[in-house]
Amino acid sequence: MRGPRLFRVTRREFAGDTATLLSGLGGIYAGGRWHAKGSRVTYFGSNISLCVLEYLAHLDVHPTQNKWPLVVAEVSIQPDFLEPKNVRELGREELEASDPNWRIPDSPFCLRIGVRWYKDREHLFLNVPSAIVPGESNFVLNCSHPLAADLINSSTLKLDDMVIDQRIAEVLDATAIARRRNPQS
């Protein structure tokens, strides 16, 4: 029987094996909604479709200009890693009650929560609603957590090639994506 699965769309070079995928290397070089730059975290989605949408929302080059091979990484983990003692869960209602603007990019409210969660190292995962599709869940892995090594050693990784369908690429605005890369332009 297969355990719970988490998904990620990423460049093939960042998913060579389970240890590489779960290293949190990307969080060291760039900050995100739920972590500060320098934090070893890896973001996952609860399903592949959500991961594709999250990937597209964070592009800094148009898919037709992307020269890196992409993969869908499927990580099967043991159920005990997702027990309540290992997961800090935040619901959409809870977030909206505290800050109705939590979905804005670079939300300082979300960042404060995530930084505290990361530093406390009490929970292996932070389970949060997607800001893009709030009915869906993202999981942020604290790669510095004491259980991270056990997670890496006991998980299985399956990779499938991923190509952004040309029909989706056609609706994305290349100029807007370029502005993300160079906001001063």
Protein backbone atom coordinates (compact mmCIF):
# COMPACT_ATOMS: atom_id res chain seq x y z
CA MET A 1 0.00 0.00 0.00
CA ARG A 2 1.29 3.42 -0.97
CA GLY A 3 1.43 6.16 1.64
CA PRO A 4 0.31 9.76 1.28
CA ARG A 5 1.74 11.57 -1.72
CA LEU A 6 2.99 15.11 -2.15
CA PHE A 7 3.80 16.71 -5.49
CA ARG A 8 6.15 19.34 -6.87
CA VAL A 9 6.86 20.72 -10.35
CA THR A 10 10.51 21.63 -10.59
CA ARG A 11 13.57 21.60 -12.80
CA ARG A 12 14.94 18.09 -13.32
CA GLU A 13 18.32 19.08 -11.86
CA PHE A 14 16.65 19.86 -8.51
CA ALA A 15 14.95 16.45 -8.30
CA GLY A 16 17.74 14.01 -9.08
CA ASP A 17 16.98 12.00 -5.94
CA THR A 18 14.92 12.29 -2.78
CA ALA A 19 17.71 13.98 -0.81
CA THR A 20 18.17 16.65 -3.49
CA LEU A 21 14.44 17.32 -3.82
CA LEU A 22 13.99 17.55 -0.04
CA SER A 23 17.17 19.54 0.62
CA GLY A 24 15.48 22.94 0.80
CA LEU A 25 18.22 24.45 -1.34
CA GLY A 26 15.83 26.75 -3.20
CA GLY A 27 14.71 28.39 0.05
CA ILE A 28 18.27 29.39 0.76
CA TYR A 29 18.45 31.50 -2.39
CA ALA A 30 14.93 32.98 -2.53
CA GLY A 31 12.21 33.84 -0.08
CA GLY A 32 8.55 32.89 -0.46
CA ARG A 33 5.13 33.50 1.02
CA TRP A 34 5.83 31.23 4.01
CA HIS A 35 9.61 31.54 4.46
CA ALA A 36 12.44 34.04 4.50
CA LYS A 37 15.42 33.78 2.17
CA GLY A 38 18.02 31.55 3.81
CA SER A 39 15.49 29.03 5.16
CA ARG A 40 15.82 25.42 4.06
CA VAL A 41 12.26 24.66 2.95
CA THR A 42 10.62 22.80 0.07
CA TYR A 43 7.08 23.54 -1.10
CA PHE A 44 4.70 20.78 -2.21
CA GLY A 45 1.15 20.68 -3.48
CA SER A 46 -1.58 18.23 -2.64
CA ASN A 47 -2.05 17.43 -6.33
CA ILE A 48 -0.29 17.83 -9.66
CA SER A 49 -2.71 20.39 -11.09
CA LEU A 50 -2.15 22.73 -8.16
CA CYS A 51 1.61 22.35 -8.57
CA VAL A 52 1.37 23.34 -12.24
CA LEU A 53 -0.64 26.46 -11.34
CA GLU A 54 1.79 27.37 -8.54
CA TYR A 55 4.74 26.88 -10.89
CA LEU A 56 3.15 29.09 -13.56
CA ALA A 57 2.32 31.80 -11.02
CA HIS A 58 5.97 32.00 -9.99
CA LEU A 59 7.63 31.88 -13.42
CA ASP A 60 10.34 34.37 -14.18
CA VAL A 61 10.63 33.32 -17.84
CA HIS A 62 7.86 32.53 -20.31
CA PRO A 63 7.38 28.75 -20.74
CA THR A 64 8.47 29.03 -24.40
CA GLN A 65 11.78 30.53 -23.20
CA ASN A 66 12.36 27.90 -20.53
CA LYS A 67 15.40 25.80 -21.49
CA TRP A 68 15.40 23.58 -18.38
CA PRO A 69 13.70 20.21 -18.41
CA LEU A 70 10.83 20.09 -15.91
CA VAL A 71 9.52 17.15 -13.93
CA VAL A 72 6.58 16.35 -11.74
CA ALA A 73 8.05 14.90 -8.55
CA GLU A 74 5.74 12.59 -6.62
CA VAL A 75 6.95 11.81 -3.12
CA SER A 76 5.28 8.95 -1.26
CA ILE A 77 5.75 9.29 2.47
CA GLN A 78 4.85 7.29 5.53
CA PRO A 79 1.52 8.40 7.05
CA ASP A 80 3.04 9.19 10.46
CA PHE A 81 4.90 12.17 8.96
CA LEU A 82 1.51 13.81 8.34
CA GLU A 83 0.09 13.14 11.80
CA PRO A 84 -1.10 16.27 13.64
CA LYS A 85 1.99 16.27 15.89
CA ASN A 86 4.14 16.79 12.76
CA VAL A 87 1.97 19.26 10.85
CA ARG A 88 1.00 22.82 11.68
CA GLU A 89 -2.22 23.38 9.77
CA LEU A 90 -3.64 26.79 8.94
CA GLY A 91 -7.13 27.05 7.48
CA ARG A 92 -8.34 29.66 5.04
CA GLU A 93 -10.96 30.91 7.53
CA GLU A 94 -8.31 31.34 10.22
CA LEU A 95 -6.06 33.30 7.86
CA GLU A 96 -8.88 35.49 6.56
CA ALA A 97 -10.07 36.28 10.10
CA SER A 98 -6.56 37.46 11.04
CA ASP A 99 -5.71 39.19 7.76
CA PRO A 100 -8.21 39.39 4.89
CA ASN A 101 -5.29 40.27 2.58
CA TRP A 102 -3.22 37.15 3.28
CA ARG A 103 -3.36 36.15 -0.40
CA ILE A 104 -1.47 39.19 -1.70
CA PRO A 105 2.04 38.42 -2.99
CA ASP A 106 4.76 38.95 -0.39
CA SER A 107 2.24 39.06 2.45
CA PRO A 108 4.11 40.16 5.60
CA PHE A 109 1.42 38.41 7.67
CA CYS A 110 2.12 35.02 6.05
CA LEU A 111 5.86 35.56 6.21
CA ARG A 112 5.72 36.21 9.98
CA ILE A 113 3.78 32.98 10.52
CA GLY A 114 6.15 30.99 8.34
CA VAL A 115 9.33 32.42 9.87
CA ARG A 116 8.06 31.59 13.35
CA TRP A 117 7.08 28.05 12.24
CA TYR A 118 10.49 27.49 10.65
CA LYS A 119 12.46 28.74 13.65
CA ASP A 120 10.37 26.84 16.21
CA ARG A 121 11.09 23.51 14.43
CA GLU A 122 8.12 22.06 16.30
CA HIS A 123 6.40 20.77 13.14
CA LEU A 124 7.93 19.08 10.11
CA PHE A 125 5.28 20.50 7.76
CA LEU A 126 3.25 23.68 7.49
CA ASN A 127 -0.07 22.89 5.74
CA VAL A 128 -1.56 26.04 4.24
CA PRO A 129 -4.24 26.89 1.71
CA SER A 130 -2.97 27.87 -1.69
CA ALA A 131 -3.27 31.60 -2.34
CA ILE A 132 -3.97 30.74 -5.98
CA VAL A 133 -6.62 28.06 -5.36
CA PRO A 134 -7.65 28.50 -1.70
CA GLY A 135 -9.64 25.25 -1.63
CA GLU A 136 -6.40 23.35 -2.30
CA SER A 137 -3.50 22.75 0.09
CA ASN A 138 0.21 23.37 -0.06
CA PHE A 139 2.68 21.73 2.28
CA VAL A 140 5.91 23.47 3.24
CA LEU A 141 8.61 21.10 4.48
CA ASN A 142 11.04 22.39 7.11
CA CYS A 143 14.21 20.69 5.85
CA SER A 144 15.99 21.70 9.09
CA HIS A 145 13.54 19.76 11.26
CA PRO A 146 14.99 16.78 13.19
CA LEU A 147 12.65 14.39 11.30
CA ALA A 148 13.71 15.61 7.85
CA ALA A 149 16.47 12.99 7.53
CA ASP A 150 14.02 10.22 8.44
CA LEU A 151 11.58 11.57 5.87
CA ILE A 152 14.27 11.55 3.18
CA ASN A 153 15.41 8.02 4.03
CA SER A 154 11.93 6.50 4.13
CA SER A 155 10.26 8.25 1.17
CA THR A 156 10.03 7.10 -2.41
CA LEU A 157 10.35 9.43 -5.36
CA LYS A 158 8.76 9.09 -8.76
CA LEU A 159 9.58 11.56 -11.54
CA ASP A 160 7.61 12.22 -14.72
CA ASP A 161 8.62 14.61 -17.45
CA MET A 162 6.59 17.81 -17.52
CA VAL A 163 6.04 20.12 -20.46
CA ILE A 164 3.83 23.19 -20.20
CA ASP A 165 1.15 22.69 -22.84
CA GLN A 166 1.41 25.22 -25.68
CA ARG A 167 -2.25 26.22 -25.19
CA ILE A 168 -1.46 27.32 -21.62
CA ALA A 169 1.74 29.07 -22.71
CA GLU A 170 -0.29 31.08 -25.24
CA VAL A 171 -2.44 32.69 -22.54
CA LEU A 172 0.54 33.76 -20.42
CA ASP A 173 1.77 37.32 -20.90
CA ALA A 174 5.51 37.19 -21.64
CA THR A 175 5.87 40.93 -20.89
CA ALA A 176 4.33 40.55 -17.43
CA ILE A 177 6.59 37.60 -16.68
CA ALA A 178 9.65 39.61 -17.78
CA ARG A 179 8.61 42.42 -15.40
CA ARG A 180 8.72 39.92 -12.51
CA ARG A 181 12.35 39.25 -13.32
CA ASN A 182 13.23 42.95 -13.65
CA PRO A 183 10.73 45.00 -11.64
CA GLN A 184 12.64 48.24 -12.36
CA SER A 185 12.01 47.91 -16.13
